[in-house]
Full PDB file with SEQRES, HELIX, SHEET, SSBOND, CRYST1, ORIGX, SCALE, CONECT and MASTER records, all heavy atoms in Angstrom:
SEQRES   1 A   36  THR ILE SER ARG ASP ASN ALA LYS ASN THR LEU ASN LEU          
SEQRES   2 A   36  GLN LEU ASP SER LEU LYS PRO GLU ASP THR ALA VAL TYR          
SEQRES   3 A   36  TYR CYS ALA ALA ARG THR ALA TYR SER THR                      
HELIX    1 AA1 ASN A    6  LYS A    8  5                                   3    
HELIX    2 AA2 PRO A   20  ASP A   22  5                                   3    
SHEET    1 AA1 2 ILE A   2  ASP A   5  0                                        
SHEET    2 AA1 2 THR A  10  LEU A  13 -1                                        
CRYST1    1.000    1.000    1.000  90.00  90.00  90.00 P 1           1          
ORIGX1      1.000000  0.000000  0.000000        0.00000                         
ORIGX2      0.000000  1.000000  0.000000        0.00000                         
ORIGX3      0.000000  0.000000  1.000000        0.00000                         
SCALE1      1.000000  0.000000  0.000000        0.00000                         
SCALE2      0.000000  1.000000  0.000000        0.00000                         
SCALE3      0.000000  0.000000  1.000000        0.00000                         
ATOM      1  N   THR A   1      -7.341   3.227  -0.679  1.00  0.00           N  
ATOM      2  CA  THR A   1      -6.766   4.074   0.357  1.00  0.00           C  
ATOM      3  C   THR A   1      -5.482   3.447   0.878  1.00  0.00           C  
ATOM      4  O   THR A   1      -5.499   2.305   1.352  1.00  0.00           O  
ATOM      5  CB  THR A   1      -7.745   4.265   1.522  1.00  0.00           C  
ATOM      6  OG1 THR A   1      -8.985   4.802   1.032  1.00  0.00           O  
ATOM      7  CG2 THR A   1      -7.163   5.223   2.553  1.00  0.00           C  
ATOM      8  N   ILE A   2      -4.394   4.185   0.781  1.00  0.00           N  
ATOM      9  CA  ILE A   2      -3.120   3.725   1.309  1.00  0.00           C  
ATOM     10  C   ILE A   2      -2.921   4.302   2.697  1.00  0.00           C  
ATOM     11  O   ILE A   2      -3.313   5.444   2.978  1.00  0.00           O  
ATOM     12  CB  ILE A   2      -1.952   4.125   0.368  1.00  0.00           C  
ATOM     13  CG1 ILE A   2      -0.646   3.454   0.790  1.00  0.00           C  
ATOM     14  CG2 ILE A   2      -1.804   5.634   0.283  1.00  0.00           C  
ATOM     15  CD1 ILE A   2       0.490   3.659  -0.209  1.00  0.00           C  
ATOM     16  N   SER A   3      -2.326   3.501   3.579  1.00  0.00           N  
ATOM     17  CA  SER A   3      -2.036   3.974   4.931  1.00  0.00           C  
ATOM     18  C   SER A   3      -0.848   3.180   5.470  1.00  0.00           C  
ATOM     19  O   SER A   3      -0.487   2.143   4.912  1.00  0.00           O  
ATOM     20  CB  SER A   3      -3.255   3.812   5.849  1.00  0.00           C  
ATOM     21  OG  SER A   3      -3.602   2.438   5.992  1.00  0.00           O  
ATOM     22  N   ARG A   4      -0.282   3.668   6.542  1.00  0.00           N  
ATOM     23  CA  ARG A   4       0.836   2.969   7.153  1.00  0.00           C  
ATOM     24  C   ARG A   4       0.784   3.135   8.661  1.00  0.00           C  
ATOM     25  O   ARG A   4       0.255   4.125   9.176  1.00  0.00           O  
ATOM     26  CB  ARG A   4       2.170   3.486   6.608  1.00  0.00           C  
ATOM     27  CG  ARG A   4       2.483   4.920   6.938  1.00  0.00           C  
ATOM     28  CD  ARG A   4       3.716   5.400   6.170  1.00  0.00           C  
ATOM     29  NE  ARG A   4       4.926   4.691   6.605  1.00  0.00           N  
ATOM     30  CZ  ARG A   4       6.068   4.715   5.926  1.00  0.00           C  
ATOM     31  NH1 ARG A   4       6.151   5.369   4.778  1.00  0.00           N  
ATOM     32  NH2 ARG A   4       7.134   4.061   6.389  1.00  0.00           N  
ATOM     33  N   ASP A   5       1.348   2.165   9.368  1.00  0.00           N  
ATOM     34  CA  ASP A   5       1.469   2.208  10.818  1.00  0.00           C  
ATOM     35  C   ASP A   5       2.939   1.941  11.126  1.00  0.00           C  
ATOM     36  O   ASP A   5       3.388   0.794  11.116  1.00  0.00           O  
ATOM     37  CB  ASP A   5       0.565   1.155  11.459  1.00  0.00           C  
ATOM     38  CG  ASP A   5       0.560   1.233  12.972  1.00  0.00           C  
ATOM     39  OD1 ASP A   5       1.521   1.785  13.551  1.00  0.00           O  
ATOM     40  OD2 ASP A   5      -0.384   0.731  13.584  1.00  0.00           O  
ATOM     41  N   ASN A   6       3.684   3.000  11.376  1.00  0.00           N  
ATOM     42  CA  ASN A   6       5.125   2.845  11.586  1.00  0.00           C  
ATOM     43  C   ASN A   6       5.433   2.067  12.861  1.00  0.00           C  
ATOM     44  O   ASN A   6       6.474   1.408  12.952  1.00  0.00           O  
ATOM     45  CB  ASN A   6       5.799   4.212  11.616  1.00  0.00           C  
ATOM     46  CG  ASN A   6       5.853   4.853  10.239  1.00  0.00           C  
ATOM     47  OD1 ASN A   6       5.654   4.194   9.210  1.00  0.00           O  
ATOM     48  ND2 ASN A   6       6.114   6.148  10.204  1.00  0.00           N  
ATOM     49  N   ALA A   7       4.562   2.129  13.844  1.00  0.00           N  
ATOM     50  CA  ALA A   7       4.791   1.384  15.091  1.00  0.00           C  
ATOM     51  C   ALA A   7       4.698  -0.124  14.866  1.00  0.00           C  
ATOM     52  O   ALA A   7       5.301  -0.903  15.602  1.00  0.00           O  
ATOM     53  CB  ALA A   7       3.788   1.816  16.148  1.00  0.00           C  
ATOM     54  N   LYS A   8       3.929  -0.528  13.830  1.00  0.00           N  
ATOM     55  CA  LYS A   8       3.751  -1.939  13.522  1.00  0.00           C  
ATOM     56  C   LYS A   8       4.494  -2.367  12.262  1.00  0.00           C  
ATOM     57  O   LYS A   8       4.321  -3.490  11.793  1.00  0.00           O  
ATOM     58  CB  LYS A   8       2.264  -2.258  13.375  1.00  0.00           C  
ATOM     59  CG  LYS A   8       1.460  -2.042  14.651  1.00  0.00           C  
ATOM     60  CD  LYS A   8      -0.002  -2.400  14.458  1.00  0.00           C  
ATOM     61  CE  LYS A   8      -0.788  -2.212  15.742  1.00  0.00           C  
ATOM     62  NZ  LYS A   8      -2.230  -2.534  15.575  1.00  0.00           N  
ATOM     63  N   ASN A   9       5.306  -1.457  11.708  1.00  0.00           N  
ATOM     64  CA  ASN A   9       6.063  -1.759  10.488  1.00  0.00           C  
ATOM     65  C   ASN A   9       5.160  -2.275   9.372  1.00  0.00           C  
ATOM     66  O   ASN A   9       5.517  -3.216   8.655  1.00  0.00           O  
ATOM     67  CB  ASN A   9       7.161  -2.798  10.769  1.00  0.00           C  
ATOM     68  CG  ASN A   9       8.316  -2.229  11.559  1.00  0.00           C  
ATOM     69  OD1 ASN A   9       8.249  -1.111  12.060  1.00  0.00           O  
ATOM     70  ND2 ASN A   9       9.372  -2.996  11.692  1.00  0.00           N  
ATOM     71  N   THR A  10       4.009  -1.658   9.220  1.00  0.00           N  
ATOM     72  CA  THR A  10       2.995  -2.173   8.298  1.00  0.00           C  
ATOM     73  C   THR A  10       2.497  -1.096   7.344  1.00  0.00           C  
ATOM     74  O   THR A  10       2.226   0.031   7.754  1.00  0.00           O  
ATOM     75  CB  THR A  10       1.805  -2.748   9.075  1.00  0.00           C  
ATOM     76  OG1 THR A  10       2.256  -3.798   9.924  1.00  0.00           O  
ATOM     77  CG2 THR A  10       0.753  -3.304   8.124  1.00  0.00           C  
ATOM     78  N   LEU A  11       2.375  -1.490   6.087  1.00  0.00           N  
ATOM     79  CA  LEU A  11       1.769  -0.679   5.040  1.00  0.00           C  
ATOM     80  C   LEU A  11       0.468  -1.356   4.625  1.00  0.00           C  
ATOM     81  O   LEU A  11       0.426  -2.574   4.490  1.00  0.00           O  
ATOM     82  CB  LEU A  11       2.710  -0.585   3.834  1.00  0.00           C  
ATOM     83  CG  LEU A  11       2.182   0.119   2.592  1.00  0.00           C  
ATOM     84  CD1 LEU A  11       2.119   1.618   2.825  1.00  0.00           C  
ATOM     85  CD2 LEU A  11       3.058  -0.207   1.382  1.00  0.00           C  
ATOM     86  N   ASN A  12      -0.581  -0.576   4.446  1.00  0.00           N  
ATOM     87  CA  ASN A  12      -1.877  -1.132   4.080  1.00  0.00           C  
ATOM     88  C   ASN A  12      -2.400  -0.513   2.786  1.00  0.00           C  
ATOM     89  O   ASN A  12      -2.046   0.612   2.435  1.00  0.00           O  
ATOM     90  CB  ASN A  12      -2.899  -0.878   5.189  1.00  0.00           C  
ATOM     91  CG  ASN A  12      -2.498  -1.500   6.500  1.00  0.00           C  
ATOM     92  OD1 ASN A  12      -2.292  -2.710   6.598  1.00  0.00           O  
ATOM     93  ND2 ASN A  12      -2.368  -0.684   7.532  1.00  0.00           N  
ATOM     94  N   LEU A  13      -3.258  -1.260   2.119  1.00  0.00           N  
ATOM     95  CA  LEU A  13      -3.977  -0.730   0.961  1.00  0.00           C  
ATOM     96  C   LEU A  13      -5.406  -1.263   1.041  1.00  0.00           C  
ATOM     97  O   LEU A  13      -5.631  -2.459   0.924  1.00  0.00           O  
ATOM     98  CB  LEU A  13      -3.330  -1.149  -0.355  1.00  0.00           C  
ATOM     99  CG  LEU A  13      -3.946  -0.526  -1.608  1.00  0.00           C  
ATOM    100  CD1 LEU A  13      -3.682   0.979  -1.640  1.00  0.00           C  
ATOM    101  CD2 LEU A  13      -3.411  -1.191  -2.875  1.00  0.00           C  
ATOM    102  N   GLN A  14      -6.351  -0.363   1.274  1.00  0.00           N  
ATOM    103  CA  GLN A  14      -7.769  -0.707   1.295  1.00  0.00           C  
ATOM    104  C   GLN A  14      -8.319  -0.572  -0.114  1.00  0.00           C  
ATOM    105  O   GLN A  14      -8.221   0.510  -0.707  1.00  0.00           O  
ATOM    106  CB  GLN A  14      -8.521   0.211   2.256  1.00  0.00           C  
ATOM    107  CG  GLN A  14     -10.022  -0.030   2.314  1.00  0.00           C  
ATOM    108  CD  GLN A  14     -10.375  -1.357   2.958  1.00  0.00           C  
ATOM    109  OE1 GLN A  14      -9.702  -1.802   3.879  1.00  0.00           O  
ATOM    110  NE2 GLN A  14     -11.453  -1.977   2.475  1.00  0.00           N  
ATOM    111  N   LEU A  15      -8.866  -1.640  -0.638  1.00  0.00           N  
ATOM    112  CA  LEU A  15      -9.395  -1.658  -1.991  1.00  0.00           C  
ATOM    113  C   LEU A  15     -10.917  -1.777  -1.914  1.00  0.00           C  
ATOM    114  O   LEU A  15     -11.443  -2.801  -1.485  1.00  0.00           O  
ATOM    115  CB  LEU A  15      -8.851  -2.850  -2.778  1.00  0.00           C  
ATOM    116  CG  LEU A  15      -7.368  -2.906  -3.166  1.00  0.00           C  
ATOM    117  CD1 LEU A  15      -6.469  -3.077  -1.960  1.00  0.00           C  
ATOM    118  CD2 LEU A  15      -7.110  -4.001  -4.179  1.00  0.00           C  
ATOM    119  N   ASP A  16     -11.624  -0.737  -2.285  1.00  0.00           N  
ATOM    120  CA  ASP A  16     -13.084  -0.732  -2.291  1.00  0.00           C  
ATOM    121  C   ASP A  16     -13.615  -0.628  -3.716  1.00  0.00           C  
ATOM    122  O   ASP A  16     -12.905  -0.205  -4.624  1.00  0.00           O  
ATOM    123  CB  ASP A  16     -13.600   0.432  -1.447  1.00  0.00           C  
ATOM    124  CG  ASP A  16     -13.241   0.314   0.024  1.00  0.00           C  
ATOM    125  OD1 ASP A  16     -13.275  -0.811   0.553  1.00  0.00           O  
ATOM    126  OD2 ASP A  16     -12.928   1.347   0.640  1.00  0.00           O  
ATOM    127  N   SER A  17     -14.866  -0.998  -3.879  1.00  0.00           N  
ATOM    128  CA  SER A  17     -15.534  -0.912  -5.185  1.00  0.00           C  
ATOM    129  C   SER A  17     -14.676  -1.540  -6.280  1.00  0.00           C  
ATOM    130  O   SER A  17     -14.444  -0.947  -7.342  1.00  0.00           O  
ATOM    131  CB  SER A  17     -15.832   0.553  -5.527  1.00  0.00           C  
ATOM    132  OG  SER A  17     -16.620   1.165  -4.539  1.00  0.00           O  
ATOM    133  N   LEU A  18     -14.233  -2.744  -6.023  1.00  0.00           N  
ATOM    134  CA  LEU A  18     -13.312  -3.405  -6.940  1.00  0.00           C  
ATOM    135  C   LEU A  18     -13.961  -3.694  -8.280  1.00  0.00           C  
ATOM    136  O   LEU A  18     -15.159  -4.000  -8.362  1.00  0.00           O  
ATOM    137  CB  LEU A  18     -12.778  -4.685  -6.313  1.00  0.00           C  
ATOM    138  CG  LEU A  18     -11.649  -4.459  -5.297  1.00  0.00           C  
ATOM    139  CD1 LEU A  18     -11.482  -5.659  -4.388  1.00  0.00           C  
ATOM    140  CD2 LEU A  18     -10.351  -4.138  -6.015  1.00  0.00           C  
ATOM    141  N   LYS A  19     -13.159  -3.603  -9.325  1.00  0.00           N  
ATOM    142  CA  LYS A  19     -13.585  -3.841 -10.697  1.00  0.00           C  
ATOM    143  C   LYS A  19     -12.752  -4.980 -11.287  1.00  0.00           C  
ATOM    144  O   LYS A  19     -11.627  -5.222 -10.854  1.00  0.00           O  
ATOM    145  CB  LYS A  19     -13.379  -2.582 -11.536  1.00  0.00           C  
ATOM    146  CG  LYS A  19     -14.055  -1.339 -11.001  1.00  0.00           C  
ATOM    147  CD  LYS A  19     -13.703  -0.120 -11.838  1.00  0.00           C  
ATOM    148  CE  LYS A  19     -14.343   1.149 -11.315  1.00  0.00           C  
ATOM    149  NZ  LYS A  19     -13.993   2.338 -12.125  1.00  0.00           N  
ATOM    150  N   PRO A  20     -13.265  -5.637 -12.311  1.00  0.00           N  
ATOM    151  CA  PRO A  20     -12.473  -6.701 -12.947  1.00  0.00           C  
ATOM    152  C   PRO A  20     -11.106  -6.212 -13.428  1.00  0.00           C  
ATOM    153  O   PRO A  20     -10.127  -6.972 -13.378  1.00  0.00           O  
ATOM    154  CB  PRO A  20     -13.356  -7.137 -14.112  1.00  0.00           C  
ATOM    155  CG  PRO A  20     -14.752  -6.843 -13.651  1.00  0.00           C  
ATOM    156  CD  PRO A  20     -14.634  -5.578 -12.843  1.00  0.00           C  
ATOM    157  N   GLU A  21     -11.013  -4.974 -13.844  1.00  0.00           N  
ATOM    158  CA  GLU A  21      -9.731  -4.449 -14.324  1.00  0.00           C  
ATOM    159  C   GLU A  21      -8.726  -4.213 -13.205  1.00  0.00           C  
ATOM    160  O   GLU A  21      -7.573  -3.870 -13.471  1.00  0.00           O  
ATOM    161  CB  GLU A  21      -9.936  -3.154 -15.121  1.00  0.00           C  
ATOM    162  CG  GLU A  21     -10.768  -2.104 -14.429  1.00  0.00           C  
ATOM    163  CD  GLU A  21     -12.233  -2.137 -14.872  1.00  0.00           C  
ATOM    164  OE1 GLU A  21     -12.810  -3.250 -14.996  1.00  0.00           O  
ATOM    165  OE2 GLU A  21     -12.800  -1.033 -15.070  1.00  0.00           O  
ATOM    166  N   ASP A  22      -9.144  -4.374 -11.958  1.00  0.00           N  
ATOM    167  CA  ASP A  22      -8.207  -4.314 -10.833  1.00  0.00           C  
ATOM    168  C   ASP A  22      -7.486  -5.640 -10.619  1.00  0.00           C  
ATOM    169  O   ASP A  22      -6.590  -5.716  -9.772  1.00  0.00           O  
ATOM    170  CB  ASP A  22      -8.943  -3.931  -9.547  1.00  0.00           C  
ATOM    171  CG  ASP A  22      -9.528  -2.532  -9.593  1.00  0.00           C  
ATOM    172  OD1 ASP A  22      -8.854  -1.618 -10.101  1.00  0.00           O  
ATOM    173  OD2 ASP A  22     -10.671  -2.357  -9.110  1.00  0.00           O  
ATOM    174  N   THR A  23      -7.872  -6.661 -11.359  1.00  0.00           N  
ATOM    175  CA  THR A  23      -7.219  -7.960 -11.242  1.00  0.00           C  
ATOM    176  C   THR A  23      -5.739  -7.835 -11.580  1.00  0.00           C  
ATOM    177  O   THR A  23      -5.372  -7.348 -12.649  1.00  0.00           O  
ATOM    178  CB  THR A  23      -7.884  -8.981 -12.189  1.00  0.00           C  
ATOM    179  OG1 THR A  23      -9.229  -9.209 -11.750  1.00  0.00           O  
ATOM    180  CG2 THR A  23      -7.114 -10.298 -12.189  1.00  0.00           C  
ATOM    181  N   ALA A  24      -4.895  -8.247 -10.642  1.00  0.00           N  
ATOM    182  CA  ALA A  24      -3.447  -8.105 -10.820  1.00  0.00           C  
ATOM    183  C   ALA A  24      -2.734  -8.722  -9.618  1.00  0.00           C  
ATOM    184  O   ALA A  24      -3.355  -9.026  -8.598  1.00  0.00           O  
ATOM    185  CB  ALA A  24      -3.063  -6.630 -10.938  1.00  0.00           C  
ATOM    186  N   VAL A  25      -1.434  -8.865  -9.769  1.00  0.00           N  
ATOM    187  CA  VAL A  25      -0.572  -9.134  -8.617  1.00  0.00           C  
ATOM    188  C   VAL A  25      -0.160  -7.778  -8.060  1.00  0.00           C  
ATOM    189  O   VAL A  25       0.327  -6.920  -8.800  1.00  0.00           O  
ATOM    190  CB  VAL A  25       0.665  -9.955  -9.011  1.00  0.00           C  
ATOM    191  CG1 VAL A  25       1.557 -10.176  -7.793  1.00  0.00           C  
ATOM    192  CG2 VAL A  25       0.239 -11.299  -9.606  1.00  0.00           C  
ATOM    193  N   TYR A  26      -0.382  -7.607  -6.773  1.00  0.00           N  
ATOM    194  CA  TYR A  26      -0.074  -6.338  -6.112  1.00  0.00           C  
ATOM    195  C   TYR A  26       1.225  -6.475  -5.325  1.00  0.00           C  
ATOM    196  O   TYR A  26       1.396  -7.430  -4.555  1.00  0.00           O  
ATOM    197  CB  TYR A  26      -1.225  -5.936  -5.187  1.00  0.00           C  
ATOM    198  CG  TYR A  26      -2.408  -5.394  -5.941  1.00  0.00           C  
ATOM    199  CD1 TYR A  26      -3.215  -6.233  -6.723  1.00  0.00           C  
ATOM    200  CD2 TYR A  26      -2.725  -4.038  -5.905  1.00  0.00           C  
ATOM    201  CE1 TYR A  26      -4.298  -5.734  -7.432  1.00  0.00           C  
ATOM    202  CE2 TYR A  26      -3.803  -3.530  -6.616  1.00  0.00           C  
ATOM    203  CZ  TYR A  26      -4.574  -4.382  -7.377  1.00  0.00           C  
ATOM    204  OH  TYR A  26      -5.638  -3.872  -8.084  1.00  0.00           O  
ATOM    205  N   TYR A  27       2.103  -5.498  -5.523  1.00  0.00           N  
ATOM    206  CA  TYR A  27       3.407  -5.496  -4.892  1.00  0.00           C  
ATOM    207  C   TYR A  27       3.569  -4.265  -4.004  1.00  0.00           C  
ATOM    208  O   TYR A  27       3.189  -3.163  -4.404  1.00  0.00           O  
ATOM    209  CB  TYR A  27       4.519  -5.467  -5.936  1.00  0.00           C  
ATOM    210  CG  TYR A  27       4.542  -6.631  -6.881  1.00  0.00           C  
ATOM    211  CD1 TYR A  27       3.824  -6.587  -8.074  1.00  0.00           C  
ATOM    212  CD2 TYR A  27       5.297  -7.761  -6.602  1.00  0.00           C  
ATOM    213  CE1 TYR A  27       3.844  -7.651  -8.961  1.00  0.00           C  
ATOM    214  CE2 TYR A  27       5.328  -8.830  -7.486  1.00  0.00           C  
ATOM    215  CZ  TYR A  27       4.602  -8.767  -8.658  1.00  0.00           C  
ATOM    216  OH  TYR A  27       4.634  -9.823  -9.539  1.00  0.00           O  
ATOM    217  N   CYS A  28       4.173  -4.437  -2.841  1.00  0.00           N  
ATOM    218  CA  CYS A  28       4.585  -3.271  -2.071  1.00  0.00           C  
ATOM    219  C   CYS A  28       6.073  -3.031  -2.313  1.00  0.00           C  
ATOM    220  O   CYS A  28       6.819  -3.956  -2.653  1.00  0.00           O  
ATOM    221  CB  CYS A  28       4.286  -3.424  -0.578  1.00  0.00           C  
ATOM    222  SG  CYS A  28       5.273  -4.625   0.289  1.00  0.00           S  
ATOM    223  N   ALA A  29       6.479  -1.801  -2.177  1.00  0.00           N  
ATOM    224  CA  ALA A  29       7.847  -1.400  -2.458  1.00  0.00           C  
ATOM    225  C   ALA A  29       8.297  -0.368  -1.437  1.00  0.00           C  
ATOM    226  O   ALA A  29       7.472   0.395  -0.907  1.00  0.00           O  
ATOM    227  CB  ALA A  29       7.952  -0.831  -3.871  1.00  0.00           C  
ATOM    228  N   ALA A  30       9.604  -0.334  -1.201  1.00  0.00           N  
ATOM    229  CA  ALA A  30      10.168   0.576  -0.203  1.00  0.00           C  
ATOM    230  C   ALA A  30      11.462   1.188  -0.713  1.00  0.00           C  
ATOM    231  O   ALA A  30      12.203   0.567  -1.474  1.00  0.00           O  
ATOM    232  CB  ALA A  30      10.429  -0.177   1.099  1.00  0.00           C  
ATOM    233  N   ARG A  31      11.714   2.390  -0.266  1.00  0.00           N  
ATOM    234  CA  ARG A  31      12.999   3.021  -0.515  1.00  0.00           C  
ATOM    235  C   ARG A  31      13.289   3.981   0.616  1.00  0.00           C  
ATOM    236  O   ARG A  31      12.374   4.583   1.191  1.00  0.00           O  
ATOM    237  CB  ARG A  31      13.045   3.750  -1.855  1.00  0.00           C  
ATOM    238  CG  ARG A  31      12.096   4.908  -1.973  1.00  0.00           C  
ATOM    239  CD  ARG A  31      12.570   5.895  -3.010  1.00  0.00           C  
ATOM    240  NE  ARG A  31      13.758   6.628  -2.570  1.00  0.00           N  
ATOM    241  CZ  ARG A  31      14.583   7.250  -3.390  1.00  0.00           C  
ATOM    242  NH1 ARG A  31      14.361   7.224  -4.699  1.00  0.00           N  
ATOM    243  NH2 ARG A  31      15.622   7.905  -2.914  1.00  0.00           N  
ATOM    244  N   THR A  32      14.549   4.161   0.918  1.00  0.00           N  
ATOM    245  CA  THR A  32      14.945   5.110   1.931  1.00  0.00           C  
ATOM    246  C   THR A  32      14.603   6.529   1.470  1.00  0.00           C  
ATOM    247  O   THR A  32      14.809   6.874   0.305  1.00  0.00           O  
ATOM    248  CB  THR A  32      16.449   5.015   2.199  1.00  0.00           C  
ATOM    249  OG1 THR A  32      16.759   3.690   2.637  1.00  0.00           O  
ATOM    250  CG2 THR A  32      16.868   6.004   3.282  1.00  0.00           C  
ATOM    251  N   ALA A  33      14.038   7.302   2.373  1.00  0.00           N  
ATOM    252  CA  ALA A  33      13.701   8.691   2.071  1.00  0.00           C  
ATOM    253  C   ALA A  33      14.248   9.573   3.180  1.00  0.00           C  
ATOM    254  O   ALA A  33      13.970   9.333   4.353  1.00  0.00           O  
ATOM    255  CB  ALA A  33      12.192   8.858   1.948  1.00  0.00           C  
ATOM    256  N   TYR A  34      15.024  10.575   2.824  1.00  0.00           N  
ATOM    257  CA  TYR A  34      15.638  11.427   3.827  1.00  0.00           C  
ATOM    258  C   TYR A  34      14.763  12.615   4.201  1.00  0.00           C  
ATOM    259  O   TYR A  34      15.055  13.334   5.147  1.00  0.00           O  
ATOM    260  CB  TYR A  34      17.021  11.860   3.357  1.00  0.00           C  
ATOM    261  CG  TYR A  34      17.946  10.675   3.204  1.00  0.00           C  
ATOM    262  CD1 TYR A  34      18.192  10.113   1.958  1.00  0.00           C  
ATOM    263  CD2 TYR A  34      18.507  10.069   4.322  1.00  0.00           C  
ATOM    264  CE1 TYR A  34      18.999   8.996   1.832  1.00  0.00           C  
ATOM    265  CE2 TYR A  34      19.317   8.952   4.202  1.00  0.00           C  
ATOM    266  CZ  TYR A  34      19.564   8.423   2.954  1.00  0.00           C  
ATOM    267  OH  TYR A  34      20.352   7.322   2.825  1.00  0.00           O  
ATOM    268  N   SER A  35      13.681  12.758   3.457  1.00  0.00           N  
ATOM    269  CA  SER A  35      12.675  13.764   3.795  1.00  0.00           C  
ATOM    270  C   SER A  35      11.397  13.056   4.221  1.00  0.00           C  
ATOM    271  O   SER A  35      11.050  12.001   3.688  1.00  0.00           O  
ATOM    272  CB  SER A  35      12.386  14.656   2.579  1.00  0.00           C  
ATOM    273  OG  SER A  35      11.249  15.455   2.810  1.00  0.00           O  
ATOM    274  N   THR A  36      10.697  13.637   5.170  1.00  0.00           N  
ATOM    275  CA  THR A  36       9.414  13.068   5.582  1.00  0.00           C  
ATOM    276  C   THR A  36       8.279  13.527   4.682  1.00  0.00           C  
ATOM    277  O   THR A  36       7.147  13.070   4.827  1.00  0.00           O  
ATOM    278  CB  THR A  36       9.093  13.478   7.035  1.00  0.00           C  
ATOM    279  OG1 THR A  36       9.036  14.908   7.101  1.00  0.00           O  
ATOM    280  CG2 THR A  36      10.142  12.969   7.995  1.00  0.00           C  
TER     281      THR A  36                                                      
MASTER        0    0    0    2    2    0    0    6  280    1    0    3          
END                                                                             
């Protein structure tokens, strides 16, 4: 589940029911968006 809190400048990712194939380096990314 992805979520964000703009008041705290924070992006979250809740990972449940994890599997061995989820093993990885996880990166967050940002880009300017002119549409909401």
